[in-house]
Amino acid sequence: MNYKKIGAIFTHIYTGSGILFAFWAALALYEKNITVFLISLSITVIIDATDGTLARYFDVKKNAPFIDGATMDNIVDFITYTFLPILALVIFGILPANLTWVAFFPLGASIYGFSQIQAKVDASFVGFPSYWNVLFLYLYILQFPAIWVVIILIFLSIMTFVPIRYLYPSRTSWKQTLTLIITLIWSVAIIALCLYPDAIWAKRTAQFSLLYPIYYAIMSLVYHQKITKEKTLTQSA
């Protein structure tokens, strides 16, 4: 067995290990331990952000074809990016008990988002890419009124069905260097918030870090227009 095959098998194990941290997050949620909950979800994000590079390097489809890494990845991602964060909104009272039904919107939208065949095209995400874990962090720290929580959840759920192309930082080559640098800086702030979500400086840091989601949204719209224009010119040529 050559090192590529070993690496491919390890990559599948690495991807699958995300479910262990998801379980850890679930236990933390049961105990209402916000710090452990956020840290465990952060680890799953790190795994998700790095396993794709390993999968391509070790060519898992060729060297370990007996496991569908993409399916495994989607299962773990749905649990950690959507199910647990949405459940946490209810557990921590961010979504009041009388408004629990609103949780069905992001859950249903994400089922669609993760299942659609063209969820990722042109090295980008199509539709809002189910960043419910990030949204939960902001909603927990910033403590918006319930009406705004409802509006945000429903709006982003609808945006899952709108085929706008969103940047995929590790794959979208357009403005990639700039995006990765800004993403890295933002990630440091997010990790700090996950470690100390109740610190006196957390709210101000969260507010300042919102500059990144704004950048991400604007650049995604510009990228979408660029791709759409290029396709129109190609079809008319």
Protein backbone atom coordinates (compact mmCIF):
# COMPACT_ATOMS: atom_id res chain seq x y z
CA MET A 1 0.00 0.00 0.00
CA ASN A 2 1.55 3.30 -1.11
CA TYR A 3 1.45 6.49 0.91
CA LYS A 4 -1.29 7.97 -1.28
CA LYS A 5 -3.69 5.17 -0.35
CA ILE A 6 -2.78 5.49 3.32
CA GLY A 7 -3.25 9.23 3.10
CA ALA A 8 -6.61 8.81 1.37
CA ILE A 9 -7.86 6.48 4.11
CA PHE A 10 -6.57 8.87 6.78
CA THR A 11 -8.39 11.73 5.05
CA HIS A 12 -11.70 9.86 5.29
CA ILE A 13 -11.04 9.18 8.97
CA TYR A 14 -10.16 12.85 9.45
CA THR A 15 -13.40 13.95 7.80
CA GLY A 16 -15.41 11.45 9.82
CA SER A 17 -13.82 12.60 13.09
CA GLY A 18 -16.01 15.68 12.83
CA ILE A 19 -18.93 13.62 14.11
CA LEU A 20 -17.07 13.03 17.39
CA PHE A 21 -16.79 16.76 17.97
CA ALA A 22 -20.43 17.12 16.94
CA PHE A 23 -21.31 14.67 19.71
CA TRP A 24 -19.16 16.68 22.11
CA ALA A 25 -21.06 19.79 21.06
CA ALA A 26 -24.38 18.02 21.64
CA LEU A 27 -23.34 17.07 25.18
CA ALA A 28 -22.25 20.65 25.83
CA LEU A 29 -25.59 21.85 24.54
CA TYR A 30 -27.39 19.48 26.91
CA GLU A 31 -25.36 20.97 29.78
CA LYS A 32 -25.78 24.52 28.43
CA ASN A 33 -22.00 24.92 28.38
CA ILE A 34 -21.67 27.64 25.75
CA THR A 35 -17.85 27.71 25.66
CA VAL A 36 -17.43 23.97 25.08
CA PHE A 37 -20.27 24.07 22.56
CA LEU A 38 -18.61 26.82 20.53
CA ILE A 39 -15.13 25.31 20.75
CA SER A 40 -16.30 21.90 19.59
CA LEU A 41 -18.13 23.43 16.63
CA SER A 42 -15.03 25.49 15.83
CA ILE A 43 -12.98 22.32 15.60
CA THR A 44 -15.46 20.84 13.13
CA VAL A 45 -15.12 23.97 11.00
CA ILE A 46 -11.33 23.61 10.99
CA ILE A 47 -11.68 19.97 9.91
CA ASP A 48 -14.14 20.95 7.20
CA ALA A 49 -11.87 23.74 5.96
CA THR A 50 -8.85 21.46 5.62
CA ASP A 51 -10.09 18.01 4.63
CA GLY A 52 -10.87 19.10 1.07
CA THR A 53 -7.23 19.99 0.45
CA LEU A 54 -6.15 16.61 1.79
CA ALA A 55 -8.80 14.84 -0.31
CA ARG A 56 -7.54 16.47 -3.49
CA TYR A 57 -3.88 15.86 -2.65
CA PHE A 58 -4.36 12.18 -1.88
CA ASP A 59 -6.97 11.79 -4.64
CA VAL A 60 -9.43 9.94 -2.41
CA LYS A 61 -11.75 9.04 -5.30
CA LYS A 62 -8.94 7.02 -6.85
CA ASN A 63 -7.09 5.76 -3.77
CA ALA A 64 -10.01 5.13 -1.40
CA PRO A 65 -13.08 4.85 -3.65
CA PHE A 66 -14.93 2.52 -1.27
CA ILE A 67 -16.02 5.52 0.84
CA ASP A 68 -17.96 8.52 -0.45
CA GLY A 69 -16.14 11.33 1.33
CA ALA A 70 -18.51 13.97 -0.04
CA THR A 71 -21.54 12.26 1.51
CA MET A 72 -19.72 11.84 4.82
CA ASP A 73 -18.74 15.49 4.74
CA ASN A 74 -22.31 16.62 4.06
CA ILE A 75 -23.69 14.54 6.94
CA VAL A 76 -21.24 16.04 9.43
CA ASP A 77 -21.70 19.54 8.00
CA PHE A 78 -25.49 19.44 8.23
CA ILE A 79 -25.27 18.43 11.89
CA THR A 80 -22.61 20.98 12.82
CA TYR A 81 -23.43 23.91 10.53
CA THR A 82 -27.21 23.66 10.80
CA PHE A 83 -28.89 21.22 13.20
CA LEU A 84 -26.90 21.89 16.37
CA PRO A 85 -26.68 25.70 15.92
CA ILE A 86 -30.42 25.97 15.24
CA LEU A 87 -31.18 23.75 18.22
CA ALA A 88 -28.88 25.96 20.30
CA LEU A 89 -30.96 29.02 19.40
CA VAL A 90 -33.86 27.36 21.21
CA ILE A 91 -31.83 25.89 24.10
CA PHE A 92 -30.23 29.25 24.95
CA GLY A 93 -33.49 31.17 24.55
CA ILE A 94 -32.32 33.26 21.60
CA LEU A 95 -35.38 31.95 19.79
CA PRO A 96 -38.18 32.13 22.39
CA ALA A 97 -40.29 29.03 23.10
CA ASN A 98 -43.36 30.53 21.41
CA LEU A 99 -41.32 31.04 18.23
CA THR A 100 -39.69 27.62 18.05
CA TRP A 101 -41.57 26.95 14.80
CA VAL A 102 -39.34 29.52 13.08
CA ALA A 103 -36.49 26.98 13.36
CA PHE A 104 -38.20 24.93 10.65
CA PHE A 105 -37.23 27.58 8.08
CA PRO A 106 -33.42 27.22 8.34
CA LEU A 107 -33.69 23.46 8.88
CA GLY A 108 -35.80 22.99 5.77
CA ALA A 109 -33.71 25.39 3.72
CA SER A 110 -30.50 23.60 4.69
CA ILE A 111 -31.93 20.19 3.79
CA TYR A 112 -32.50 21.64 0.35
CA GLY A 113 -29.14 23.39 0.27
CA PHE A 114 -27.15 20.30 1.17
CA SER A 115 -29.15 18.08 -1.19
CA GLN A 116 -29.24 20.13 -4.38
CA ILE A 117 -27.02 18.80 -7.15
CA GLN A 118 -25.57 22.20 -7.99
CA ALA A 119 -24.83 23.34 -4.45
CA LYS A 120 -21.28 24.13 -5.51
CA VAL A 121 -20.52 25.36 -9.05
CA ASP A 122 -17.94 27.67 -10.61
CA ALA A 123 -15.78 27.18 -7.48
CA SER A 124 -18.49 28.85 -5.41
CA PHE A 125 -21.52 28.09 -3.26
CA VAL A 126 -24.95 28.52 -4.83
CA GLY A 127 -27.44 30.09 -2.44
CA PHE A 128 -26.78 31.02 1.18
CA PRO A 129 -24.20 28.40 2.30
CA SER A 130 -25.79 27.45 5.66
CA TYR A 131 -23.45 29.37 7.92
CA TRP A 132 -25.91 28.95 10.79
CA ASN A 133 -23.09 28.19 13.22
CA VAL A 134 -21.57 31.61 12.60
CA LEU A 135 -24.99 33.24 12.85
CA PHE A 136 -25.62 31.55 16.19
CA LEU A 137 -22.38 32.98 17.59
CA TYR A 138 -23.36 36.51 16.59
CA LEU A 139 -26.93 36.17 17.83
CA TYR A 140 -25.74 34.78 21.17
CA ILE A 141 -23.25 37.58 21.77
CA LEU A 142 -25.14 40.54 20.31
CA GLN A 143 -28.51 39.52 21.80
CA PHE A 144 -30.84 40.94 19.16
CA PRO A 145 -34.56 41.33 19.96
CA ALA A 146 -36.62 38.23 19.09
CA ILE A 147 -38.30 39.94 16.13
CA TRP A 148 -34.92 40.56 14.50
CA VAL A 149 -33.85 36.98 15.13
CA VAL A 150 -36.99 35.80 13.32
CA ILE A 151 -36.45 38.20 10.41
CA ILE A 152 -32.79 37.18 10.00
CA LEU A 153 -33.57 33.46 10.12
CA ILE A 154 -36.39 33.67 7.59
CA PHE A 155 -34.45 36.01 5.27
CA LEU A 156 -31.35 33.81 5.17
CA SER A 157 -33.52 30.72 4.72
CA ILE A 158 -35.10 32.31 1.65
CA MET A 159 -31.65 33.28 0.35
CA THR A 160 -30.75 29.58 0.33
CA PHE A 161 -33.15 29.19 -2.61
CA VAL A 162 -31.89 32.26 -4.47
CA PRO A 163 -29.12 31.02 -6.84
CA ILE A 164 -26.58 33.72 -6.06
CA ARG A 165 -22.98 32.50 -6.13
CA TYR A 166 -21.15 33.01 -2.84
CA LEU A 167 -17.39 32.99 -2.48
CA TYR A 168 -15.79 29.68 -1.54
CA PRO A 169 -12.64 31.15 0.11
CA SER A 170 -10.45 28.08 -0.42
CA ARG A 171 -11.52 27.53 -4.05
CA THR A 172 -12.73 30.79 -5.61
CA SER A 173 -9.65 32.11 -7.38
CA TRP A 174 -11.12 35.59 -7.95
CA LYS A 175 -9.64 37.95 -5.30
CA GLN A 176 -8.61 34.84 -3.40
CA THR A 177 -5.46 36.20 -1.74
CA LEU A 178 -7.32 39.23 -0.36
CA THR A 179 -10.25 37.08 0.76
CA LEU A 180 -8.03 34.54 2.50
CA ILE A 181 -6.09 37.24 4.36
CA ILE A 182 -9.27 38.91 5.59
CA THR A 183 -10.79 35.52 6.41
CA LEU A 184 -7.74 34.62 8.49
CA ILE A 185 -7.92 37.87 10.47
CA TRP A 186 -11.65 37.39 11.04
CA SER A 187 -11.07 33.77 12.09
CA VAL A 188 -8.73 34.89 14.86
CA ALA A 189 -11.47 37.17 16.21
CA ILE A 190 -14.05 34.38 15.95
CA ILE A 191 -11.82 31.90 17.81
CA ALA A 192 -11.36 34.47 20.57
CA LEU A 193 -15.13 34.91 20.77
CA CYS A 194 -15.65 31.14 20.95
CA LEU A 195 -13.18 30.89 23.81
CA TYR A 196 -14.61 33.85 25.72
CA PRO A 197 -18.18 34.44 24.48
CA ASP A 198 -19.24 36.14 27.72
CA ALA A 199 -16.22 38.44 28.12
CA ILE A 200 -16.88 42.16 28.54
CA TRP A 201 -15.10 42.84 25.24
CA ALA A 202 -16.98 40.13 23.30
CA LYS A 203 -19.85 42.32 22.11
CA ARG A 204 -17.58 45.08 20.78
CA THR A 205 -15.33 42.53 19.09
CA ALA A 206 -18.34 40.80 17.50
CA GLN A 207 -19.65 44.13 16.21
CA PHE A 208 -16.29 45.02 14.68
CA SER A 209 -15.89 41.54 13.14
CA LEU A 210 -19.19 42.01 11.29
CA LEU A 211 -17.12 43.89 8.73
CA TYR A 212 -16.10 40.50 7.34
CA PRO A 213 -19.63 39.17 6.68
CA ILE A 214 -20.37 42.52 5.02
CA TYR A 215 -17.24 42.15 2.86
CA TYR A 216 -18.16 38.55 2.08
CA ALA A 217 -21.72 39.46 1.03
CA ILE A 218 -20.66 42.39 -1.17
CA MET A 219 -17.81 40.50 -2.85
CA SER A 220 -20.09 37.50 -3.43
CA LEU A 221 -22.62 39.72 -5.21
CA VAL A 222 -19.86 41.25 -7.35
CA TYR A 223 -18.52 37.77 -8.13
CA HIS A 224 -22.01 36.56 -9.04
CA GLN A 225 -22.47 39.45 -11.46
CA LYS A 226 -19.03 38.76 -12.96
CA ILE A 227 -19.81 35.08 -13.55
CA THR A 228 -23.27 35.85 -14.91
CA LYS A 229 -21.88 38.43 -17.33
CA GLU A 230 -19.14 36.07 -18.54
CA LYS A 231 -21.67 33.30 -19.19
CA THR A 232 -23.94 35.70 -21.07
CA LEU A 233 -21.06 36.83 -23.31
CA THR A 234 -20.03 33.21 -23.92
CA GLN A 235 -23.56 32.17 -24.90
CA SER A 236 -23.99 35.14 -27.23
CA ALA A 237 -20.62 34.61 -28.92
